[in-house]
Amino acid sequence: MLQCIIALLAYLGIGLLMRYVDQHRRTTLLQAGQLVKEVEHRETVEQQLRGLVEGTPAAILTLDSAGNALLANEAAHELLGFENMAK
């Protein structure tokens, strides 16, 4: 009788563990799907911003904290007299 109770408790414990693992797996898959969507959205927005920066006639120059140029559109190259290395 005692062995049956111990076996029942063991099966119950395994069942609860499997339920937790399944819930955790579902949550992880949901979060991974949301992350993929966010990355795709970010890439789309970056492409739109890149097109806007390159297409504007205003000079746009992005510098880091040390003063090094990270990004300069064609108008900035023309204004400052630098050759565009990206071409």
N, C-alpha and C. Protein backbone atom coordinates (compact mmCIF):
# COMPACT_ATOMS: atom_id res chain seq x y z
N MET A 1 0.82 -1.19 0.00
CA MET A 1 0.00 0.00 0.00
C MET A 1 0.87 1.26 0.00
N LEU A 2 1.90 1.27 0.84
CA LEU A 2 2.79 2.41 0.93
C LEU A 2 3.51 2.64 -0.40
N GLN A 3 3.88 1.55 -1.06
CA GLN A 3 4.56 1.66 -2.35
C GLN A 3 3.63 2.29 -3.39
N CYS A 4 2.37 1.98 -3.35
CA CYS A 4 1.41 2.56 -4.28
C CYS A 4 1.27 4.06 -4.05
N ILE A 5 1.26 4.47 -2.80
CA ILE A 5 1.14 5.90 -2.48
C ILE A 5 2.40 6.64 -2.95
N ILE A 6 3.56 6.04 -2.70
CA ILE A 6 4.82 6.67 -3.13
C ILE A 6 4.85 6.77 -4.66
N ALA A 7 4.43 5.73 -5.35
CA ALA A 7 4.42 5.74 -6.82
C ALA A 7 3.44 6.80 -7.32
N LEU A 8 2.28 6.90 -6.67
CA LEU A 8 1.29 7.91 -7.06
C LEU A 8 1.84 9.33 -6.88
N LEU A 9 2.51 9.56 -5.76
CA LEU A 9 3.10 10.87 -5.52
C LEU A 9 4.22 11.17 -6.53
N ALA A 10 4.99 10.15 -6.89
CA ALA A 10 6.05 10.34 -7.88
C ALA A 10 5.46 10.69 -9.24
N TYR A 11 4.42 9.99 -9.64
CA TYR A 11 3.77 10.31 -10.92
C TYR A 11 3.14 11.70 -10.89
N LEU A 12 2.57 12.07 -9.77
CA LEU A 12 1.99 13.40 -9.63
C LEU A 12 3.08 14.47 -9.75
N GLY A 13 4.21 14.23 -9.08
CA GLY A 13 5.33 15.17 -9.16
C GLY A 13 5.86 15.31 -10.58
N ILE A 14 5.99 14.21 -11.29
CA ILE A 14 6.45 14.24 -12.68
C ILE A 14 5.43 14.99 -13.55
N GLY A 15 4.17 14.76 -13.30
CA GLY A 15 3.12 15.45 -14.07
C GLY A 15 3.18 16.96 -13.87
N LEU A 16 3.37 17.39 -12.63
CA LEU A 16 3.48 18.82 -12.35
C LEU A 16 4.72 19.42 -12.99
N LEU A 17 5.83 18.68 -12.95
CA LEU A 17 7.06 19.14 -13.58
C LEU A 17 6.88 19.28 -15.09
N MET A 18 6.25 18.32 -15.71
CA MET A 18 6.03 18.37 -17.16
C MET A 18 5.09 19.52 -17.53
N ARG A 19 4.12 19.80 -16.69
CA ARG A 19 3.22 20.93 -16.94
C ARG A 19 3.99 22.24 -16.90
N TYR A 20 4.88 22.38 -15.89
CA TYR A 20 5.69 23.59 -15.77
C TYR A 20 6.62 23.72 -16.98
N VAL A 21 7.27 22.63 -17.38
CA VAL A 21 8.18 22.66 -18.53
C VAL A 21 7.43 23.06 -19.79
N ASP A 22 6.24 22.53 -19.98
CA ASP A 22 5.45 22.87 -21.17
C ASP A 22 5.04 24.34 -21.16
N GLN A 23 4.62 24.86 -20.02
CA GLN A 23 4.25 26.27 -19.93
C GLN A 23 5.46 27.16 -20.21
N HIS A 24 6.61 26.78 -19.68
CA HIS A 24 7.83 27.56 -19.89
C HIS A 24 8.23 27.53 -21.38
N ARG A 25 8.08 26.38 -22.02
CA ARG A 25 8.40 26.25 -23.44
C ARG A 25 7.48 27.13 -24.27
N ARG A 26 6.20 27.12 -23.96
CA ARG A 26 5.25 27.95 -24.71
C ARG A 26 5.57 29.44 -24.55
N THR A 27 5.89 29.85 -23.33
CA THR A 27 6.23 31.25 -23.08
C THR A 27 7.49 31.64 -23.85
N THR A 28 8.48 30.76 -23.85
CA THR A 28 9.73 31.03 -24.55
C THR A 28 9.49 31.15 -26.05
N LEU A 29 8.68 30.27 -26.62
CA LEU A 29 8.37 30.34 -28.04
C LEU A 29 7.62 31.62 -28.39
N LEU A 30 6.72 32.03 -27.54
CA LEU A 30 5.97 33.27 -27.76
C LEU A 30 6.91 34.47 -27.73
N GLN A 31 7.80 34.52 -26.76
CA GLN A 31 8.76 35.62 -26.66
C GLN A 31 9.72 35.62 -27.84
N ALA A 32 10.14 34.45 -28.30
CA ALA A 32 11.03 34.38 -29.46
C ALA A 32 10.33 34.90 -30.72
N GLY A 33 9.06 34.58 -30.88
CA GLY A 33 8.30 35.08 -32.01
C GLY A 33 8.16 36.60 -31.97
N GLN A 34 7.93 37.13 -30.79
CA GLN A 34 7.81 38.59 -30.64
C GLN A 34 9.15 39.26 -30.93
N LEU A 35 10.24 38.63 -30.50
CA LEU A 35 11.57 39.18 -30.76
C LEU A 35 11.87 39.22 -32.25
N VAL A 36 11.50 38.18 -32.97
CA VAL A 36 11.71 38.15 -34.42
C VAL A 36 10.93 39.29 -35.08
N LYS A 37 9.70 39.50 -34.66
CA LYS A 37 8.89 40.58 -35.23
C LYS A 37 9.51 41.94 -34.94
N GLU A 38 10.03 42.12 -33.72
CA GLU A 38 10.65 43.39 -33.36
C GLU A 38 11.92 43.64 -34.18
N VAL A 39 12.71 42.61 -34.41
CA VAL A 39 13.93 42.75 -35.21
C VAL A 39 13.57 43.11 -36.65
N GLU A 40 12.57 42.44 -37.20
CA GLU A 40 12.14 42.76 -38.57
C GLU A 40 11.64 44.19 -38.66
N HIS A 41 10.88 44.62 -37.67
CA HIS A 41 10.36 46.00 -37.66
C HIS A 41 11.51 46.99 -37.57
N ARG A 42 12.49 46.70 -36.72
CA ARG A 42 13.64 47.60 -36.58
C ARG A 42 14.41 47.70 -37.88
N GLU A 43 14.61 46.59 -38.56
CA GLU A 43 15.33 46.62 -39.84
C GLU A 43 14.57 47.45 -40.88
N THR A 44 13.26 47.33 -40.90
CA THR A 44 12.44 48.12 -41.83
C THR A 44 12.57 49.61 -41.53
N VAL A 45 12.48 49.97 -40.26
CA VAL A 45 12.59 51.37 -39.86
C VAL A 45 13.98 51.91 -40.17
N GLU A 46 15.02 51.10 -39.95
CA GLU A 46 16.38 51.54 -40.26
C GLU A 46 16.55 51.80 -41.76
N GLN A 47 15.96 50.94 -42.59
CA GLN A 47 16.03 51.15 -44.04
C GLN A 47 15.30 52.44 -44.43
N GLN A 48 14.15 52.68 -43.84
CA GLN A 48 13.42 53.91 -44.13
C GLN A 48 14.21 55.14 -43.70
N LEU A 49 14.82 55.07 -42.53
CA LEU A 49 15.62 56.18 -42.03
C LEU A 49 16.85 56.40 -42.91
N ARG A 50 17.49 55.33 -43.33
CA ARG A 50 18.66 55.44 -44.20
C ARG A 50 18.27 56.12 -45.51
N GLY A 51 17.13 55.74 -46.08
CA GLY A 51 16.65 56.37 -47.30
C GLY A 51 16.34 57.84 -47.11
N LEU A 52 15.76 58.18 -45.97
CA LEU A 52 15.45 59.57 -45.66
C LEU A 52 16.72 60.40 -45.51
N VAL A 53 17.71 59.85 -44.79
CA VAL A 53 18.97 60.56 -44.57
C VAL A 53 19.71 60.76 -45.89
N GLU A 54 19.76 59.75 -46.71
CA GLU A 54 20.49 59.85 -47.98
C GLU A 54 19.75 60.73 -48.99
N GLY A 55 18.44 60.78 -48.90
CA GLY A 55 17.66 61.53 -49.88
C GLY A 55 17.47 63.00 -49.57
N THR A 56 17.79 63.41 -48.37
CA THR A 56 17.54 64.80 -48.00
C THR A 56 18.68 65.71 -48.50
N PRO A 57 18.34 66.92 -48.89
CA PRO A 57 19.39 67.84 -49.33
C PRO A 57 20.16 68.47 -48.16
N ALA A 58 19.67 68.28 -46.94
CA ALA A 58 20.36 68.83 -45.76
C ALA A 58 21.53 67.92 -45.39
N ALA A 59 22.62 68.55 -44.96
CA ALA A 59 23.79 67.79 -44.53
C ALA A 59 23.50 67.15 -43.17
N ILE A 60 23.70 65.85 -43.09
CA ILE A 60 23.51 65.12 -41.84
C ILE A 60 24.80 64.40 -41.52
N LEU A 61 25.33 64.66 -40.33
CA LEU A 61 26.59 64.08 -39.89
C LEU A 61 26.40 63.53 -38.49
N THR A 62 26.77 62.29 -38.28
CA THR A 62 26.66 61.66 -36.97
C THR A 62 28.06 61.40 -36.46
N LEU A 63 28.33 61.87 -35.22
CA LEU A 63 29.64 61.72 -34.60
C LEU A 63 29.53 60.89 -33.33
N ASP A 64 30.62 60.18 -33.00
CA ASP A 64 30.65 59.48 -31.71
C ASP A 64 31.18 60.44 -30.65
N SER A 65 31.32 59.97 -29.42
CA SER A 65 31.74 60.84 -28.32
C SER A 65 33.17 61.36 -28.49
N ALA A 66 33.98 60.67 -29.30
CA ALA A 66 35.35 61.10 -29.55
C ALA A 66 35.45 62.07 -30.73
N GLY A 67 34.33 62.33 -31.40
CA GLY A 67 34.33 63.24 -32.53
C GLY A 67 34.59 62.57 -33.87
N ASN A 68 34.60 61.26 -33.91
CA ASN A 68 34.79 60.53 -35.16
C ASN A 68 33.46 60.43 -35.90
N ALA A 69 33.51 60.62 -37.22
CA ALA A 69 32.30 60.56 -38.03
C ALA A 69 31.85 59.11 -38.18
N LEU A 70 30.61 58.86 -37.80
CA LEU A 70 30.03 57.52 -37.95
C LEU A 70 29.19 57.43 -39.22
N LEU A 71 28.54 58.55 -39.56
CA LEU A 71 27.65 58.58 -40.71
C LEU A 71 27.63 59.98 -41.28
N ALA A 72 27.71 60.06 -42.59
CA ALA A 72 27.60 61.35 -43.27
C ALA A 72 26.89 61.11 -44.59
N ASN A 73 25.83 61.87 -44.85
CA ASN A 73 25.14 61.70 -46.12
C ASN A 73 25.88 62.46 -47.22
N GLU A 74 25.40 62.34 -48.44
CA GLU A 74 26.06 62.94 -49.59
C GLU A 74 26.15 64.46 -49.46
N ALA A 75 25.11 65.07 -48.93
CA ALA A 75 25.11 66.52 -48.74
C ALA A 75 26.21 66.95 -47.76
N ALA A 76 26.43 66.17 -46.73
CA ALA A 76 27.50 66.48 -45.77
C ALA A 76 28.86 66.35 -46.43
N HIS A 77 29.03 65.33 -47.27
CA HIS A 77 30.30 65.16 -47.99
C HIS A 77 30.57 66.36 -48.89
N GLU A 78 29.54 66.80 -49.59
CA GLU A 78 29.71 67.94 -50.50
C GLU A 78 29.98 69.22 -49.71
N LEU A 79 29.28 69.43 -48.60
CA LEU A 79 29.44 70.63 -47.80
C LEU A 79 30.84 70.71 -47.19
N LEU A 80 31.33 69.58 -46.70
CA LEU A 80 32.63 69.56 -46.03
C LEU A 80 33.80 69.29 -46.98
N GLY A 81 33.47 68.96 -48.23
CA GLY A 81 34.51 68.74 -49.23
C GLY A 81 35.24 67.41 -49.10
N PHE A 82 34.57 66.40 -48.54
CA PHE A 82 35.17 65.07 -48.41
C PHE A 82 34.65 64.14 -49.48
N GLU A 83 35.49 63.19 -49.85
CA GLU A 83 35.07 62.18 -50.84
C GLU A 83 34.27 61.11 -50.12
N ASN A 84 33.20 60.67 -50.73
CA ASN A 84 32.36 59.62 -50.16
C ASN A 84 33.02 58.28 -50.37
N MET A 85 33.49 57.65 -49.30
CA MET A 85 34.19 56.36 -49.38
C MET A 85 33.23 55.21 -49.64
N ALA A 86 31.94 55.42 -49.43
CA ALA A 86 30.95 54.34 -49.61
C ALA A 86 30.66 54.06 -51.07
N LYS A 87 30.99 54.95 -51.94
CA LYS A 87 30.66 54.75 -53.37
C LYS A 87 31.56 53.76 -54.01
